[in-house]
Amino acid sequence: MKGIFVRFAILTLIFSFALPVSVTASTPNDRREINRAAVEIAAVMQNIMDNYMGDITVQELYEAALHGMASVLDDHSRYISLSDLASFERTYFGSSVAFGITYYLNPDGRIVIASVVPGSPAAAAGIVQGDILARVDGVDLYSGNYEDIFERLRSPELQRATFDIYSDGDLRSVSLTKARIDASTVHAELASVRIPGAPDHVGYILIERFSLGTAAEMSEAIAYLRHRGITHLILDLRYNPGGDRDSVTDISRMLVPEGVIYSTVDRRGRGRPIHSRLDNTPFVEMVVLTNSATASASELLALALSESEAATVVGQRTFGKGSIQTIFPLMRGDYFIFTTMEYFGRNGTPINNIGVAPDVEVNIPVYLEGEVVLDDNNSSYRMIYVKRLLQHLGYPVGSMDRYFDTITRMSIEQIQGSHGLTPDGVIDSSTAFLLDTLLHRELIRDDVILLQGFDILMGT
């Protein structure tokens, strides 16, 4: 199942830092064209500065030109201006003054909390993973102005904001003040913290993303768990959007046995294998948890562990982002990022636009992601999804078919009435959103992927 969340509002790139920019074209003719274009662009900028009626600066023209270049490349290429620099470096280097949440956009336009930093203002206010943002400072987040709102939230000038949040289908408001957050990207604990009754030799590690300090954090986490006598590990890569390539490579060398970890292939088809020389893996058994929001560098790690048979991947097919972006620092302190390579698994397995298939797929109900329209026979092919969702939530349904029967309608009406909606049995967009919200909270609370991963790790 692809799942409800497919587009990140946080970085979904695997990064590689480059040396300062040099002009290297593929042919002499390209180099001549580049020089000619540079002269013409400079002439246009000069003409604008001399004659334009409005107010404009050279910096604004420079940034507009670079944004324009990024816009004709792929979706993962972009220009990081000086004004965007604080947000970019926060994600890449791992410290910030912030509210303590990450979030992403689902297909029907809802902004969902991906993670909450422990000890942050958001955590203190009771915001949890899976909550849905409705408004920020009274501005409706469903109106399509996401980037403006996200930019405002990232702005250092904004220190306090009021968030209207759906939790378990109920709307509440919280006011948050930013605080200094040294955001750890790796969290290690005994599995019994998350799975009551789990034996003491089972550990759990969550990697939220791959920043410059993640490999060092992972090394410390492995040492801590081994010191505690951990022999079996659950590695959680769900909702991990990716990040620094060197970091995921270093971590792979801690976990993946000797051999190829992955290979990169550039535009000319030149391949470069990246190897591990690890003789003995640190744990006897491992499972890796994935979902449709496992992206980029985290997909690379999951595939490497699966193809090397060092771990069993459990969960859902991953996002499918298998390209590498190179970061070119520019002389003004800004950055230009564009796609330079793709990567492939140990066995030559592609990831880009495909994702990593789990070794063991966990079947969970699909999200409705919009209203359910019935035909003249009071049926819809999506009614099966509705009934499976209701069953998972503990509500009775009729026959498991495409027809909207009386029992299923009564369950819909009961849910609508208990959450402030008109109990008319119509699965419109508001009711579908409510059902999706309830399902998402239930899945997080029950965490069927985690529990199935644990069962596989224990051989049950």
Protein backbone atom coordinates (compact mmCIF):
# COMPACT_ATOMS: atom_id res chain seq x y z
CA MET A 1 0.00 0.00 0.00
CA LYS A 2 1.35 3.37 -0.95
CA GLY A 3 -0.23 5.00 2.09
CA ILE A 4 -1.49 8.42 2.94
CA PHE A 5 1.80 10.27 3.03
CA VAL A 6 3.76 10.68 -0.16
CA ARG A 7 5.23 14.16 -0.28
CA PHE A 8 7.56 15.54 2.38
CA ALA A 9 7.73 19.07 3.68
CA ILE A 10 11.11 18.14 5.11
CA LEU A 11 14.22 17.15 3.17
CA THR A 12 13.92 13.97 1.11
CA LEU A 13 17.36 14.24 -0.44
CA ILE A 14 20.50 12.17 -0.16
CA PHE A 15 23.31 14.68 -0.12
CA SER A 16 26.92 14.67 -1.20
CA PHE A 17 29.09 17.74 -0.63
CA ALA A 18 31.17 18.96 -3.57
CA LEU A 19 34.21 21.15 -3.87
CA PRO A 20 33.59 24.78 -4.86
CA VAL A 21 31.94 25.09 -8.25
CA SER A 22 33.99 24.80 -11.38
CA VAL A 23 32.65 25.02 -14.93
CA THR A 24 33.02 21.57 -16.52
CA ALA A 25 30.90 21.13 -19.62
CA SER A 26 30.59 17.90 -21.57
CA THR A 27 31.84 19.39 -24.86
CA PRO A 28 33.86 22.43 -26.04
CA ASN A 29 30.69 23.75 -27.68
CA ASP A 30 28.86 23.60 -24.32
CA ARG A 31 31.65 25.64 -22.75
CA ARG A 32 31.36 28.29 -25.47
CA GLU A 33 27.58 28.42 -25.00
CA ILE A 34 28.00 28.77 -21.21
CA ASN A 35 30.42 31.69 -21.64
CA ARG A 36 28.10 33.38 -24.15
CA ALA A 37 25.06 32.89 -21.88
CA ALA A 38 26.95 34.29 -18.88
CA VAL A 39 27.79 37.45 -20.82
CA GLU A 40 24.19 37.88 -21.99
CA ILE A 41 22.75 37.30 -18.50
CA ALA A 42 25.17 39.86 -17.08
CA ALA A 43 24.13 42.36 -19.78
CA VAL A 44 20.45 41.86 -18.96
CA MET A 45 21.12 42.33 -15.25
CA GLN A 46 23.06 45.51 -15.94
CA ASN A 47 20.27 46.83 -18.17
CA ILE A 48 17.69 46.13 -15.47
CA MET A 49 19.78 47.87 -12.81
CA ASP A 50 20.23 50.92 -15.08
CA ASN A 51 16.70 51.28 -16.43
CA TYR A 52 14.09 49.31 -14.46
CA MET A 53 11.37 51.58 -12.99
CA GLY A 54 10.86 49.56 -9.79
CA ASP A 55 13.08 48.74 -6.83
CA ILE A 56 15.36 45.76 -7.41
CA THR A 57 18.79 44.66 -6.18
CA VAL A 58 21.57 42.68 -7.82
CA GLN A 59 21.11 40.02 -5.10
CA GLU A 60 17.45 39.61 -6.04
CA LEU A 61 18.29 39.22 -9.72
CA TYR A 62 21.09 36.76 -8.90
CA GLU A 63 18.81 34.62 -6.75
CA ALA A 64 16.01 34.73 -9.34
CA ALA A 65 18.42 33.47 -12.01
CA LEU A 66 19.54 30.54 -9.85
CA HIS A 67 15.97 29.68 -8.85
CA GLY A 68 15.12 29.70 -12.54
CA MET A 69 17.92 27.27 -13.36
CA ALA A 70 16.78 24.91 -10.62
CA SER A 71 13.19 25.04 -11.89
CA VAL A 72 14.10 23.41 -15.23
CA LEU A 73 15.91 20.51 -13.52
CA ASP A 74 14.24 17.66 -11.61
CA ASP A 75 12.10 18.03 -8.50
CA HIS A 76 15.04 17.36 -6.16
CA SER A 77 17.29 20.11 -7.55
CA ARG A 78 17.08 23.55 -5.96
CA TYR A 79 18.84 26.72 -5.03
CA ILE A 80 19.35 27.51 -1.33
CA SER A 81 19.43 31.29 -0.97
CA LEU A 82 20.93 33.14 1.95
CA SER A 83 17.45 33.66 3.37
CA ASP A 84 16.82 29.88 3.23
CA LEU A 85 20.21 29.02 4.69
CA ALA A 86 19.23 28.76 8.36
CA SER A 87 16.49 26.23 7.62
CA PHE A 88 18.75 24.16 5.36
CA GLU A 89 21.69 24.08 7.77
CA ARG A 90 19.37 23.23 10.67
CA THR A 91 18.27 20.07 8.87
CA TYR A 92 21.74 19.22 7.62
CA PHE A 93 23.77 19.97 10.73
CA GLY A 94 21.14 19.16 13.36
CA SER A 95 20.53 22.08 15.77
CA SER A 96 17.92 24.82 15.75
CA VAL A 97 15.67 27.23 17.56
CA ALA A 98 12.29 25.73 16.73
CA PHE A 99 8.94 24.37 17.89
CA GLY A 100 10.16 20.77 17.73
CA ILE A 101 8.03 19.23 14.97
CA THR A 102 8.54 17.87 11.48
CA TYR A 103 5.62 17.52 9.12
CA TYR A 104 4.63 16.48 5.62
CA LEU A 105 1.79 16.79 3.15
CA ASN A 106 -0.59 13.96 2.26
CA PRO A 107 -2.35 13.71 -1.12
CA ASP A 108 -5.62 15.33 -0.02
CA GLY A 109 -3.78 18.38 1.33
CA ARG A 110 -3.54 17.61 5.06
CA ILE A 111 -0.41 18.55 6.98
CA VAL A 112 0.55 15.66 9.26
CA ILE A 113 3.01 15.63 12.16
CA ALA A 114 5.83 13.23 11.23
CA SER A 115 7.77 13.44 14.50
CA VAL A 116 8.01 15.43 17.71
CA VAL A 117 11.39 16.13 19.31
CA PRO A 118 11.45 14.89 22.93
CA GLY A 119 11.66 17.79 25.39
CA SER A 120 10.63 20.34 22.76
CA PRO A 121 7.83 22.92 23.12
CA ALA A 122 5.61 20.74 20.91
CA ALA A 123 6.19 17.68 23.08
CA ALA A 124 5.41 19.68 26.23
CA ALA A 125 2.10 20.75 24.66
CA GLY A 126 1.10 17.14 24.04
CA ILE A 127 1.48 17.16 20.24
CA VAL A 128 2.18 13.64 18.99
CA GLN A 129 3.08 11.91 15.74
CA GLY A 130 -0.01 11.60 13.56
CA ASP A 131 -1.71 14.79 14.72
CA ILE A 132 -2.93 16.95 11.83
CA LEU A 133 -2.30 20.69 11.49
CA ALA A 134 -5.43 22.63 10.56
CA ARG A 135 -4.41 26.29 11.05
CA VAL A 136 -1.41 28.37 12.09
CA ASP A 137 -2.17 31.73 13.67
CA GLY A 138 -5.67 31.51 12.23
CA VAL A 139 -4.55 30.81 8.66
CA ASP A 140 -6.24 27.75 7.14
CA LEU A 141 -3.67 25.22 5.99
CA TYR A 142 -6.03 23.69 3.43
CA SER A 143 -6.04 26.81 1.26
CA GLY A 144 -2.93 25.78 -0.65
CA ASN A 145 -0.58 28.45 0.76
CA TYR A 146 1.68 25.87 2.42
CA GLU A 147 5.03 27.26 1.39
CA ASP A 148 4.27 30.74 2.71
CA ILE A 149 3.19 29.30 6.06
CA PHE A 150 6.15 26.92 6.32
CA GLU A 151 8.51 29.76 5.46
CA ARG A 152 6.93 31.87 8.21
CA LEU A 153 7.33 29.03 10.72
CA ARG A 154 11.02 28.72 9.83
CA SER A 155 11.63 32.46 10.05
CA PRO A 156 13.89 33.51 12.94
CA GLU A 157 11.63 36.57 13.42
CA LEU A 158 8.71 34.31 14.41
CA GLN A 159 9.16 33.16 17.99
CA ARG A 160 5.58 32.23 18.95
CA ALA A 161 2.63 30.76 17.04
CA THR A 162 -0.78 29.24 17.71
CA PHE A 163 -1.50 25.87 16.11
CA ASP A 164 -4.98 24.40 15.62
CA ILE A 165 -4.50 20.63 15.66
CA TYR A 166 -6.71 17.58 15.11
CA SER A 167 -5.98 14.84 17.67
CA ASP A 168 -8.16 11.72 17.48
CA GLY A 169 -10.52 13.69 15.26
CA ASP A 170 -11.02 16.48 17.83
CA LEU A 171 -9.76 20.04 17.21
CA ARG A 172 -7.71 21.87 19.85
CA SER A 173 -5.49 24.97 19.92
CA VAL A 174 -1.99 25.21 21.41
CA SER A 175 0.35 28.21 21.58
CA LEU A 176 4.05 27.39 21.27
CA THR A 177 7.20 29.42 21.82
CA LYS A 178 10.40 28.40 20.03
CA ALA A 179 13.28 27.01 22.07
CA ARG A 180 16.84 25.90 21.42
CA ILE A 181 16.75 22.27 20.26
CA ASP A 182 19.82 20.11 19.82
CA ALA A 183 17.96 17.52 17.84
CA SER A 184 19.34 14.01 18.19
CA THR A 185 18.71 11.91 15.12
CA VAL A 186 19.25 8.50 16.72
CA HIS A 187 17.28 7.13 19.67
CA ALA A 188 18.22 3.82 21.31
CA GLU A 189 16.39 1.92 24.05
CA LEU A 190 15.35 -1.52 25.16
CA ALA A 191 12.51 -2.86 23.03
CA SER A 192 10.47 -3.39 26.21
CA VAL A 193 10.00 0.39 26.41
CA ARG A 194 7.80 0.16 23.30
CA ILE A 195 6.71 -3.49 23.50
CA PRO A 196 5.70 -4.51 27.02
CA GLY A 197 7.06 -7.93 27.86
CA ALA A 198 9.83 -7.90 25.25
CA PRO A 199 12.87 -9.82 26.53
CA ASP A 200 15.89 -7.91 27.79
CA HIS A 201 18.12 -9.01 24.90
CA VAL A 202 16.03 -7.12 22.31
CA GLY A 203 16.91 -3.51 21.50
CA TYR A 204 15.32 -0.76 19.45
CA ILE A 205 16.99 2.03 17.44
CA LEU A 206 15.11 4.80 15.64
CA ILE A 207 16.98 6.89 13.04
CA GLU A 208 14.94 10.03 12.28
CA ARG A 209 17.15 11.32 9.45
CA PHE A 210 20.79 11.32 8.35
CA SER A 211 22.63 14.52 9.25
CA LEU A 212 26.36 15.09 9.75
CA GLY A 213 26.33 13.81 13.34
CA THR A 214 24.12 10.76 12.80
CA ALA A 215 26.91 8.23 12.26
CA ALA A 216 28.58 9.20 15.55
CA GLU A 217 25.23 8.96 17.33
CA MET A 218 24.63 5.52 15.78
CA SER A 219 28.05 4.29 16.91
CA GLU A 220 27.23 5.37 20.47
CA ALA A 221 23.78 3.74 20.27
CA ILE A 222 25.23 0.40 19.14
CA ALA A 223 27.86 0.50 21.89
CA TYR A 224 25.20 1.32 24.50
CA LEU A 225 22.92 -1.56 23.46
CA ARG A 226 25.75 -4.08 23.24
CA HIS A 227 26.86 -3.03 26.71
CA ARG A 228 23.31 -3.79 27.87
CA GLY A 229 23.58 -7.30 26.42
CA ILE A 230 21.41 -6.68 23.36
CA THR A 231 21.75 -9.41 20.72
CA HIS A 232 18.58 -8.77 18.65
CA LEU A 233 17.78 -5.36 17.14
CA ILE A 234 14.74 -3.60 15.70
CA LEU A 235 15.96 -0.76 13.44
CA ASP A 236 13.15 1.71 12.72
CA LEU A 237 13.49 3.71 9.48
CA ARG A 238 9.84 4.69 9.12
CA TYR A 239 9.24 8.38 8.31
CA ASN A 240 12.99 8.84 7.73
CA PRO A 241 13.31 11.25 4.77
CA GLY A 242 17.02 10.63 4.08
CA GLY A 243 19.89 13.11 4.29
CA ASP A 244 23.68 12.93 4.18
CA ARG A 245 25.19 10.17 2.00
CA ASP A 246 28.45 9.95 3.96
CA SER A 247 26.44 9.44 7.14
CA VAL A 248 24.36 6.55 5.78
CA THR A 249 27.51 5.01 4.26
CA ASP A 250 29.30 5.10 7.62
CA ILE A 251 26.29 3.56 9.36
CA SER A 252 26.02 0.86 6.69
CA ARG A 253 29.62 -0.09 7.42
CA MET A 254 28.60 -0.66 11.06
CA LEU A 255 25.80 -3.06 10.13
CA VAL A 256 26.24 -4.51 6.62
CA PRO A 257 28.60 -7.51 6.30
CA GLU A 258 31.57 -7.50 3.92
CA GLY A 259 30.75 -6.76 0.31
CA VAL A 260 29.09 -4.07 -1.78
CA ILE A 261 26.74 -1.79 0.17
CA TYR A 262 25.45 0.08 -2.88
CA SER A 263 26.70 1.46 -6.17
CA THR A 264 26.38 4.93 -7.68
CA VAL A 265 25.97 5.54 -11.41
CA ASP A 266 26.54 8.97 -12.98
CA ARG A 267 25.13 10.52 -16.18
CA ARG A 268 27.80 8.82 -18.28
CA GLY A 269 26.91 5.39 -16.91
CA ARG A 270 30.05 5.13 -14.80
CA GLY A 271 29.46 2.94 -11.78
CA ARG A 272 31.21 3.13 -8.43
CA PRO A 273 30.63 0.42 -5.81
CA ILE A 274 30.80 1.38 -2.13
CA HIS A 275 32.06 -1.46 0.06
CA SER A 276 31.79 -2.66 3.63
CA ARG A 277 34.64 -4.60 5.24
CA LEU A 278 32.69 -5.63 8.33
CA ASP A 279 33.57 -9.17 9.44
CA ASN A 280 30.94 -9.61 12.12
CA THR A 281 27.67 -7.74 12.47
CA PRO A 282 27.06 -6.32 15.97
CA PHE A 283 23.76 -8.18 16.46
CA VAL A 284 22.75 -11.80 15.99
CA GLU A 285 19.42 -10.91 14.35
CA MET A 286 17.99 -7.67 12.98
CA VAL A 287 14.71 -6.49 11.51
CA VAL A 288 14.28 -3.17 9.72
CA LEU A 289 10.92 -1.36 9.78
CA THR A 290 9.86 0.64 6.70
CA ASN A 291 6.79 2.42 5.39
CA SER A 292 5.84 4.58 2.42
CA ALA A 293 7.55 7.57 4.08
CA THR A 294 10.93 5.79 4.27
CA ALA A 295 12.89 7.72 1.66
CA SER A 296 16.24 8.21 -0.01
CA ALA A 297 19.22 7.40 2.24
CA SER A 298 17.02 5.31 4.54
CA GLU A 299 15.92 3.24 1.53
CA LEU A 300 19.57 2.67 0.68
CA LEU A 301 20.27 1.32 4.19
CA ALA A 302 17.16 -0.88 4.22
CA LEU A 303 18.03 -2.41 0.83
CA ALA A 304 21.67 -2.97 1.82
CA LEU A 305 20.65 -4.82 4.98
CA SER A 306 18.09 -6.91 3.10
CA GLU A 307 20.29 -7.87 0.13
CA SER A 308 23.24 -8.72 2.39
CA GLU A 309 20.87 -10.90 4.46
CA ALA A 310 21.93 -9.03 7.57
CA ALA A 311 18.31 -8.14 8.37
CA THR A 312 14.72 -8.79 7.42
CA VAL A 313 12.84 -5.73 6.16
CA VAL A 314 9.29 -5.60 7.54
CA GLY A 315 6.53 -3.13 6.69
CA GLN A 316 5.56 -1.37 3.48
CA ARG A 317 7.19 -0.51 0.16
CA THR A 318 9.33 2.60 0.56
CA PHE A 319 9.04 6.00 -1.11
CA GLY A 320 11.25 5.35 -4.15
CA LYS A 321 13.76 8.18 -4.15
CA GLY A 322 17.02 6.71 -5.46
CA SER A 323 18.91 9.73 -6.74
CA ILE A 324 21.81 11.64 -5.23
CA GLN A 325 22.02 15.42 -5.04
CA THR A 326 25.37 17.19 -4.90
CA ILE A 327 25.64 20.36 -2.83
CA PHE A 328 27.80 23.06 -4.42
CA PRO A 329 28.73 25.85 -1.99
CA LEU A 330 28.72 29.23 -3.77
CA MET A 331 31.00 32.17 -3.03
CA ARG A 332 28.26 34.24 -1.34
CA GLY A 333 27.64 31.48 1.22
CA ASP A 334 24.57 30.07 -0.52
CA TYR A 335 24.20 26.64 -2.15
CA PHE A 336 23.06 25.08 -5.40
CA ILE A 337 21.85 21.49 -5.24
CA PHE A 338 21.20 19.26 -8.23
CA THR A 339 20.93 15.59 -9.09
CA THR A 340 24.20 14.03 -10.23
CA MET A 341 23.84 10.27 -9.67
CA GLU A 342 21.49 7.39 -9.00
CA TYR A 343 22.22 4.55 -6.62
CA PHE A 344 21.55 0.83 -6.84
CA GLY A 345 21.59 -2.01 -4.34
CA ARG A 346 24.21 -4.70 -3.79
CA ASN A 347 22.55 -6.86 -6.45
CA GLY A 348 22.05 -3.99 -8.90
CA THR A 349 18.50 -3.39 -7.67
CA PRO A 350 17.12 0.05 -8.66
CA ILE A 351 15.27 2.22 -6.14
CA ASN A 352 14.37 5.41 -7.98
CA ASN A 353 10.62 5.67 -8.65
CA ILE A 354 10.25 2.07 -7.48
CA GLY A 355 11.05 1.89 -3.78
CA VAL A 356 12.27 -1.03 -1.71
CA ALA A 357 9.85 -3.93 -1.34
CA PRO A 358 9.85 -5.34 2.21
CA ASP A 359 10.85 -8.94 2.75
CA VAL A 360 7.68 -9.26 4.82
CA GLU A 361 4.82 -6.94 3.87
CA VAL A 362 2.43 -5.83 6.61
CA ASN A 363 -1.10 -5.43 5.31
CA ILE A 364 -2.92 -2.56 6.97
CA PRO A 365 -6.10 -0.78 5.87
CA VAL A 366 -5.66 1.86 3.19
CA TYR A 367 -6.60 5.48 3.78
CA LEU A 368 -9.66 6.80 1.95
CA GLU A 369 -8.03 10.11 0.97
CA GLY A 370 -11.31 11.70 -0.13
CA GLU A 371 -15.05 11.16 -0.36
CA VAL A 372 -16.59 7.86 -1.42
CA VAL A 373 -19.07 8.37 -4.27
CA LEU A 374 -21.78 5.71 -4.67
CA ASP A 375 -23.29 4.65 -7.99
CA ASP A 376 -26.98 4.03 -8.73
CA ASN A 377 -26.70 0.61 -7.09
CA ASN A 378 -25.55 2.14 -3.79
CA SER A 379 -22.07 0.68 -4.33
CA SER A 380 -18.46 1.68 -4.92
CA TYR A 381 -15.25 -0.28 -5.49
CA ARG A 382 -13.85 1.75 -2.57
CA MET A 383 -16.46 0.38 -0.17
CA ILE A 384 -14.13 -2.56 0.55
CA TYR A 385 -11.57 -0.01 1.84
CA VAL A 386 -14.25 1.60 4.02
CA LYS A 387 -15.27 -1.72 5.54
CA ARG A 388 -11.72 -2.84 6.24
CA LEU A 389 -11.01 0.51 7.86
CA LEU A 390 -14.13 0.24 10.03
CA GLN A 391 -13.22 -3.31 11.04
CA HIS A 392 -9.77 -2.16 12.09
CA LEU A 393 -11.38 0.55 14.23
CA GLY A 394 -13.63 -2.08 15.85
CA TYR A 395 -16.94 -1.21 14.18
CA PRO A 396 -19.29 -3.82 12.64
CA VAL A 397 -19.83 -4.03 8.89
CA GLY A 398 -21.97 -6.15 6.62
CA SER A 399 -20.72 -8.41 3.83
CA MET A 400 -17.19 -7.69 2.65
CA ASP A 401 -18.25 -6.44 -0.77
CA ARG A 402 -18.74 -3.18 -2.71
CA TYR A 403 -22.26 -2.45 -1.43
CA PHE A 404 -23.03 0.17 1.24
CA ASP A 405 -25.18 -2.01 3.48
CA THR A 406 -27.26 -1.01 6.51
CA ILE A 407 -24.77 -2.24 9.13
CA THR A 408 -21.90 -0.30 7.55
CA ARG A 409 -24.06 2.83 7.27
CA MET A 410 -24.99 2.59 10.97
CA SER A 411 -21.30 2.39 11.90
CA ILE A 412 -20.55 5.49 9.80
CA GLU A 413 -23.45 7.35 11.45
CA GLN A 414 -22.20 6.36 14.91
CA ILE A 415 -18.71 7.70 14.18
CA GLN A 416 -20.09 10.90 12.68
CA GLY A 417 -22.36 11.57 15.66
CA SER A 418 -19.64 10.93 18.24
CA HIS A 419 -17.26 13.39 16.54
CA GLY A 420 -19.56 16.35 15.90
CA LEU A 421 -20.55 15.61 12.31
CA THR A 422 -24.10 15.27 11.00
CA PRO A 423 -24.93 11.54 11.34
CA ASP A 424 -26.27 11.12 7.82
CA GLY A 425 -24.15 8.14 6.76
CA VAL A 426 -22.70 10.04 3.79
CA ILE A 427 -18.96 9.48 3.35
CA ASP A 428 -18.14 13.00 2.16
CA SER A 429 -14.69 14.60 2.38
CA SER A 430 -15.14 15.58 6.05
CA THR A 431 -16.20 12.07 7.06
CA ALA A 432 -13.41 10.49 4.99
CA PHE A 433 -10.89 12.80 6.66
CA LEU A 434 -12.24 11.84 10.09
CA LEU A 435 -11.97 8.13 9.27
CA ASP A 436 -8.42 8.57 7.96
CA THR A 437 -7.46 10.47 11.10
CA LEU A 438 -8.90 7.80 13.39
CA LEU A 439 -7.16 5.06 11.42
CA HIS A 440 -3.81 6.85 11.50
CA ARG A 441 -3.99 7.36 15.26
CA GLU A 442 -4.99 3.71 15.72
CA LEU A 443 -2.09 2.49 13.61
CA ILE A 444 0.35 4.60 15.60
CA ARG A 445 -1.14 3.43 18.90
CA ASP A 446 -1.21 -0.27 17.97
CA ASP A 447 1.88 -0.08 15.71
CA VAL A 448 1.20 -3.28 13.83
CA ILE A 449 4.43 -2.97 11.82
CA LEU A 450 6.51 -2.81 15.00
CA LEU A 451 4.67 -5.75 16.54
CA GLN A 452 5.01 -7.91 13.43
CA GLY A 453 8.68 -7.01 13.17
CA PHE A 454 9.14 -8.09 16.78
CA ASP A 455 7.36 -11.40 16.14
CA ILE A 456 9.62 -12.10 13.16
CA LEU A 457 12.70 -11.21 15.21
CA MET A 458 11.58 -13.67 17.88
CA GLY A 459 10.82 -16.35 15.31
CA THR A 460 7.13 -16.50 16.19
